[in-house]
N, C-alpha and C. Protein backbone atom coordinates (compact mmCIF):
# COMPACT_ATOMS: atom_id res chain seq x y z
N MET A 1 -84.35 -6.11 222.52
CA MET A 1 -83.44 -5.84 221.38
C MET A 1 -83.98 -4.83 220.38
N THR A 2 -82.86 -4.20 219.87
CA THR A 2 -83.08 -2.90 219.30
C THR A 2 -83.49 -3.36 217.85
N LEU A 3 -84.06 -2.10 217.18
CA LEU A 3 -84.64 -2.40 215.68
C LEU A 3 -83.44 -2.54 214.83
N THR A 4 -82.11 -1.97 215.10
CA THR A 4 -80.98 -2.31 214.31
C THR A 4 -80.46 -3.66 214.32
N ALA A 5 -80.56 -4.43 215.56
CA ALA A 5 -80.20 -5.59 215.80
C ALA A 5 -81.19 -6.64 215.16
N ARG A 6 -82.41 -6.31 215.19
CA ARG A 6 -83.16 -7.08 214.41
C ARG A 6 -83.00 -7.10 212.89
N LEU A 7 -83.04 -5.99 212.34
CA LEU A 7 -82.59 -5.74 210.85
C LEU A 7 -81.35 -6.25 210.28
N ALA A 8 -80.50 -6.13 211.47
CA ALA A 8 -78.96 -7.07 211.02
C ALA A 8 -79.23 -8.39 211.14
N GLY A 9 -80.08 -9.16 211.96
CA GLY A 9 -80.34 -10.35 211.99
C GLY A 9 -81.18 -10.95 210.92
N ALA A 10 -82.14 -10.13 210.35
CA ALA A 10 -82.92 -10.32 209.30
C ALA A 10 -81.96 -10.49 207.87
N ALA A 11 -81.13 -9.60 207.78
CA ALA A 11 -80.22 -9.46 206.69
C ALA A 11 -79.43 -10.51 206.72
N LEU A 12 -78.66 -10.90 207.85
CA LEU A 12 -77.71 -12.30 207.86
C LEU A 12 -78.79 -13.46 207.39
N ALA A 13 -79.87 -13.56 208.05
CA ALA A 13 -80.58 -14.84 207.78
C ALA A 13 -80.98 -14.94 206.10
N THR A 14 -81.35 -13.82 205.58
CA THR A 14 -81.59 -13.71 204.14
C THR A 14 -80.06 -13.76 203.32
N LEU A 15 -79.27 -13.52 203.63
CA LEU A 15 -77.95 -13.74 202.91
C LEU A 15 -77.64 -15.49 203.13
N LEU A 16 -77.90 -16.02 204.28
CA LEU A 16 -77.51 -17.31 204.44
C LEU A 16 -78.57 -18.15 203.82
N LEU A 17 -79.79 -17.92 203.50
CA LEU A 17 -80.63 -18.64 202.67
C LEU A 17 -80.56 -18.41 201.49
N ALA A 18 -80.33 -17.17 201.02
CA ALA A 18 -80.20 -16.83 199.58
C ALA A 18 -78.89 -17.42 198.81
N ALA A 19 -77.79 -17.36 199.74
CA ALA A 19 -76.36 -17.88 198.98
C ALA A 19 -76.42 -19.10 198.16
N PRO A 20 -76.94 -20.35 198.60
CA PRO A 20 -77.22 -21.42 197.74
C PRO A 20 -77.86 -21.26 196.39
N ALA A 21 -79.01 -20.41 196.36
CA ALA A 21 -79.46 -20.33 195.17
C ALA A 21 -78.48 -19.51 194.18
N PHE A 22 -77.86 -18.59 194.60
CA PHE A 22 -77.01 -17.82 193.76
C PHE A 22 -75.71 -18.80 193.32
N ALA A 23 -75.28 -19.61 194.14
CA ALA A 23 -74.08 -20.40 193.93
C ALA A 23 -74.43 -21.51 192.70
N GLN A 24 -75.62 -21.97 192.51
CA GLN A 24 -76.09 -22.89 191.62
C GLN A 24 -76.45 -22.27 190.17
N SER A 25 -75.46 -21.77 189.56
CA SER A 25 -75.55 -20.94 188.26
C SER A 25 -75.07 -22.31 187.37
N SER A 26 -75.75 -22.40 186.23
CA SER A 26 -75.36 -23.45 185.35
C SER A 26 -74.76 -22.86 184.14
N ALA A 27 -73.86 -23.52 183.44
CA ALA A 27 -73.09 -23.17 182.33
C ALA A 27 -73.95 -23.24 181.13
N PRO A 28 -74.04 -22.32 180.17
CA PRO A 28 -74.73 -22.45 178.78
C PRO A 28 -74.46 -23.62 178.01
N LYS A 29 -75.05 -24.50 177.56
CA LYS A 29 -74.78 -25.43 176.65
C LYS A 29 -73.87 -25.32 175.44
N ALA A 30 -73.80 -24.04 175.09
CA ALA A 30 -73.33 -23.66 173.82
C ALA A 30 -71.89 -23.68 174.16
N ASP A 31 -71.22 -23.57 175.55
CA ASP A 31 -69.79 -23.75 175.63
C ASP A 31 -69.30 -24.98 175.72
N ALA A 32 -70.09 -26.19 175.69
CA ALA A 32 -69.44 -27.45 175.72
C ALA A 32 -68.82 -27.93 174.27
N PRO A 33 -69.22 -27.58 173.17
CA PRO A 33 -68.52 -27.88 171.97
C PRO A 33 -67.21 -27.02 171.91
N ALA A 34 -67.17 -25.82 172.38
CA ALA A 34 -65.97 -25.18 172.49
C ALA A 34 -64.79 -25.75 173.28
N ALA A 35 -65.20 -26.38 174.32
CA ALA A 35 -64.24 -26.97 175.17
C ALA A 35 -63.76 -28.35 174.62
N GLU A 36 -64.67 -29.06 173.67
CA GLU A 36 -64.12 -30.19 173.03
C GLU A 36 -63.41 -29.98 171.87
N LYS A 37 -63.37 -28.40 171.10
CA LYS A 37 -62.39 -28.26 170.26
C LYS A 37 -61.12 -27.92 170.76
N ALA A 38 -60.99 -27.38 172.06
CA ALA A 38 -59.66 -27.18 172.69
C ALA A 38 -58.89 -28.31 173.15
N ALA A 39 -59.72 -29.40 173.21
CA ALA A 39 -58.98 -30.63 173.83
C ALA A 39 -58.01 -31.05 172.74
N PRO A 40 -58.19 -31.20 171.54
CA PRO A 40 -57.12 -31.64 170.67
C PRO A 40 -55.99 -30.90 170.68
N ALA A 41 -55.94 -29.56 171.10
CA ALA A 41 -54.73 -28.62 171.13
C ALA A 41 -53.95 -29.22 172.34
N ASP A 42 -54.46 -29.92 173.42
CA ASP A 42 -53.76 -30.18 174.45
C ASP A 42 -52.65 -31.58 174.00
N LYS A 43 -53.28 -32.19 173.08
CA LYS A 43 -52.45 -33.41 172.59
C LYS A 43 -51.06 -32.99 172.25
N LYS A 44 -50.10 -34.19 172.11
CA LYS A 44 -48.91 -34.24 171.68
C LYS A 44 -48.88 -33.30 170.27
N ALA A 45 -47.95 -32.67 169.96
CA ALA A 45 -47.74 -32.16 168.70
C ALA A 45 -47.39 -33.38 167.60
N ARG A 46 -48.00 -33.40 166.48
CA ARG A 46 -47.56 -34.37 165.57
C ARG A 46 -46.16 -34.27 165.01
N SER A 47 -45.65 -35.15 164.82
CA SER A 47 -44.31 -35.02 163.88
C SER A 47 -44.48 -34.62 162.45
N ALA A 48 -43.31 -34.32 161.94
CA ALA A 48 -43.34 -34.05 160.35
C ALA A 48 -43.93 -35.22 159.62
N ALA A 49 -43.24 -36.44 160.06
CA ALA A 49 -43.61 -37.57 159.15
C ALA A 49 -45.19 -38.02 159.52
N SER A 50 -45.58 -37.82 160.76
CA SER A 50 -46.94 -38.38 160.81
C SER A 50 -48.10 -37.33 159.89
N LEU A 51 -47.53 -36.11 159.90
CA LEU A 51 -48.36 -35.00 159.00
C LEU A 51 -48.36 -35.49 157.62
N GLU A 52 -47.20 -35.73 157.01
CA GLU A 52 -47.03 -36.18 155.68
C GLU A 52 -47.62 -37.48 155.36
N CYS A 53 -47.65 -38.49 156.40
CA CYS A 53 -48.32 -39.69 156.01
C CYS A 53 -49.95 -39.48 156.13
N SER A 54 -50.32 -38.64 156.89
CA SER A 54 -51.67 -38.22 156.82
C SER A 54 -52.01 -37.53 155.62
N LYS A 55 -51.20 -36.61 154.97
CA LYS A 55 -51.72 -36.11 153.94
C LYS A 55 -51.71 -37.21 152.87
N GLU A 56 -50.78 -38.07 152.64
CA GLU A 56 -50.65 -38.99 151.79
C GLU A 56 -52.03 -40.04 151.77
N ALA A 57 -52.35 -40.19 153.05
CA ALA A 57 -53.70 -40.97 153.16
C ALA A 57 -54.65 -40.42 152.70
N ASP A 58 -54.80 -38.93 152.95
CA ASP A 58 -55.91 -38.35 152.48
C ASP A 58 -55.99 -38.31 150.94
N ALA A 59 -54.98 -38.01 150.13
CA ALA A 59 -54.87 -38.10 148.82
C ALA A 59 -55.39 -39.41 148.20
N LYS A 60 -54.95 -40.29 149.11
CA LYS A 60 -55.44 -41.74 148.53
C LYS A 60 -56.79 -42.17 148.79
N GLY A 61 -57.42 -41.18 149.67
CA GLY A 61 -59.04 -41.43 150.18
C GLY A 61 -59.00 -42.59 151.15
N LEU A 62 -58.34 -42.79 152.12
CA LEU A 62 -58.07 -44.09 152.86
C LEU A 62 -58.82 -43.44 153.98
N HIS A 63 -59.59 -44.50 154.77
CA HIS A 63 -60.30 -44.25 155.83
C HIS A 63 -60.38 -45.75 156.59
N GLY A 64 -60.50 -45.33 157.96
CA GLY A 64 -60.58 -46.45 158.98
C GLY A 64 -59.58 -47.36 159.20
N LYS A 65 -59.52 -48.77 159.09
CA LYS A 65 -58.49 -49.71 159.30
C LYS A 65 -57.31 -49.52 158.30
N GLU A 66 -58.03 -49.15 156.95
CA GLU A 66 -56.68 -49.06 155.95
C GLU A 66 -55.97 -47.93 156.15
N ARG A 67 -56.55 -46.92 156.45
CA ARG A 67 -55.82 -45.54 156.69
C ARG A 67 -54.69 -45.87 158.01
N LYS A 68 -55.36 -46.42 158.97
CA LYS A 68 -54.52 -46.64 159.97
C LYS A 68 -53.11 -47.53 159.80
N LYS A 69 -53.26 -48.76 158.94
CA LYS A 69 -52.36 -49.43 158.71
C LYS A 69 -51.38 -48.91 157.64
N PHE A 70 -51.90 -47.83 156.73
CA PHE A 70 -50.90 -47.14 155.69
C PHE A 70 -50.20 -46.14 156.64
N ARG A 71 -50.73 -45.46 157.52
CA ARG A 71 -49.84 -44.60 158.29
C ARG A 71 -49.02 -45.06 159.22
N SER A 72 -49.33 -46.23 159.80
CA SER A 72 -48.31 -46.94 160.32
C SER A 72 -46.98 -47.44 159.75
N GLU A 73 -47.39 -48.11 158.50
CA GLU A 73 -46.37 -48.62 157.56
C GLU A 73 -45.53 -47.19 157.04
N CYS A 74 -45.94 -46.05 156.81
CA CYS A 74 -45.63 -44.97 156.15
C CYS A 74 -44.61 -44.49 157.27
N LYS A 75 -45.06 -44.16 158.45
CA LYS A 75 -44.14 -43.87 159.59
C LYS A 75 -42.99 -44.65 159.84
N LYS A 76 -43.17 -45.66 159.73
CA LYS A 76 -41.87 -46.63 159.97
C LYS A 76 -40.96 -46.58 158.84
N GLN A 77 -41.68 -46.61 157.59
CA GLN A 77 -40.60 -46.31 156.57
C GLN A 77 -39.80 -44.90 156.54
N GLN A 78 -40.23 -43.88 156.96
CA GLN A 78 -39.95 -42.65 157.01
C GLN A 78 -38.82 -42.58 158.04
N SER A 79 -39.16 -43.27 159.45
CA SER A 79 -38.22 -43.37 160.36
C SER A 79 -36.96 -44.26 159.95
N GLY A 80 -37.42 -45.19 159.38
CA GLY A 80 -36.27 -46.09 158.78
C GLY A 80 -35.29 -45.27 158.05
N ALA A 81 -35.92 -44.52 157.34
CA ALA A 81 -35.11 -43.57 156.28
C ALA A 81 -34.28 -42.48 156.95
N ALA A 82 -34.83 -41.93 157.93
CA ALA A 82 -34.17 -41.04 158.78
C ALA A 82 -33.05 -41.55 159.48
N THR A 83 -33.30 -42.93 160.20
CA THR A 83 -32.20 -43.59 160.65
C THR A 83 -31.01 -43.88 159.79
N ASP A 84 -31.35 -44.35 158.48
CA ASP A 84 -30.25 -44.55 157.64
C ASP A 84 -29.55 -43.49 157.14
N THR A 85 -30.14 -42.35 157.20
CA THR A 85 -29.44 -41.15 157.11
C THR A 85 -28.39 -40.64 158.27
N LYS A 86 -28.87 -40.97 159.12
CA LYS A 86 -28.09 -40.49 160.48
C LYS A 86 -26.69 -41.63 160.52
N MET A 87 -26.73 -42.77 160.26
CA MET A 87 -25.74 -43.72 160.33
C MET A 87 -24.94 -43.64 159.14
N LYS A 88 -25.01 -42.83 158.04
CA LYS A 88 -24.12 -42.61 157.15
C LYS A 88 -23.09 -41.42 157.59
């Protein structure tokens, strides 16, 4: 076996053994919150009624179950008003 063949074999063996070490790179932990911030943008766009009801709930200082109930009733009233307008 020639010297060139031995060097080529050694280089190939080195690449095969070193490849898994290079493939296992870990992402920095700081990127995780950025991914979480992008997730809400993927959700459906909120309707104007939903945004308006949220603003009203904020103004009243509602939280938790009270806020959820208020927003639900508010959206029903606004969709009912929109339906009444379409009927006329």
